Amino acid sequence: MEKIFEQVLLYDFYGELLTPHQRNIYEDAVCNDMSLGEIAKEHGISRQGVHDLIKRCDKILQDYESKLHLVARFGTVREKIGEIEQLTRLNQTGQMETISGEEPKLQERMERIRSLSREILKEL
């Protein structure tokens, strides 16, 4: 399951850099969960050809990520935004929620939010 999630993320970020033929077959395999046989029949190529093309696309997408690191940056930014959301969360009474049993210290939270914001901007 994790491999499929990684493939979909890579495809979301770099899929447009594949040729239309590669994109169609890779999308059928990864996003549409079609079997090699179904894809081969639909596109008029052998199952082995489909398999080879999927492996080639995996490598191409991994190579893009190893050079550009867009997926990794996206993950980092997403984590920091999650932390900002936690720092600003209010309970039902409109008071700041405690984090890890600590009473909310507004000044410390604001400074952490500023720090996270600067880190996010550096990532972009």
Foldseek 3Di string as FASTA:
>chain_A
DVVLVVLVLLCVVCVVVDDPVLSVLLCCVRVVVDQLVVSCVVVVHDSVVSVVSNVVVVVVSVVCCVVPVPSVLVVLLVVLVVVLCLLPDADPVRHRDDDPPDDRDPVVSVVSNVVSVVVNVVSD
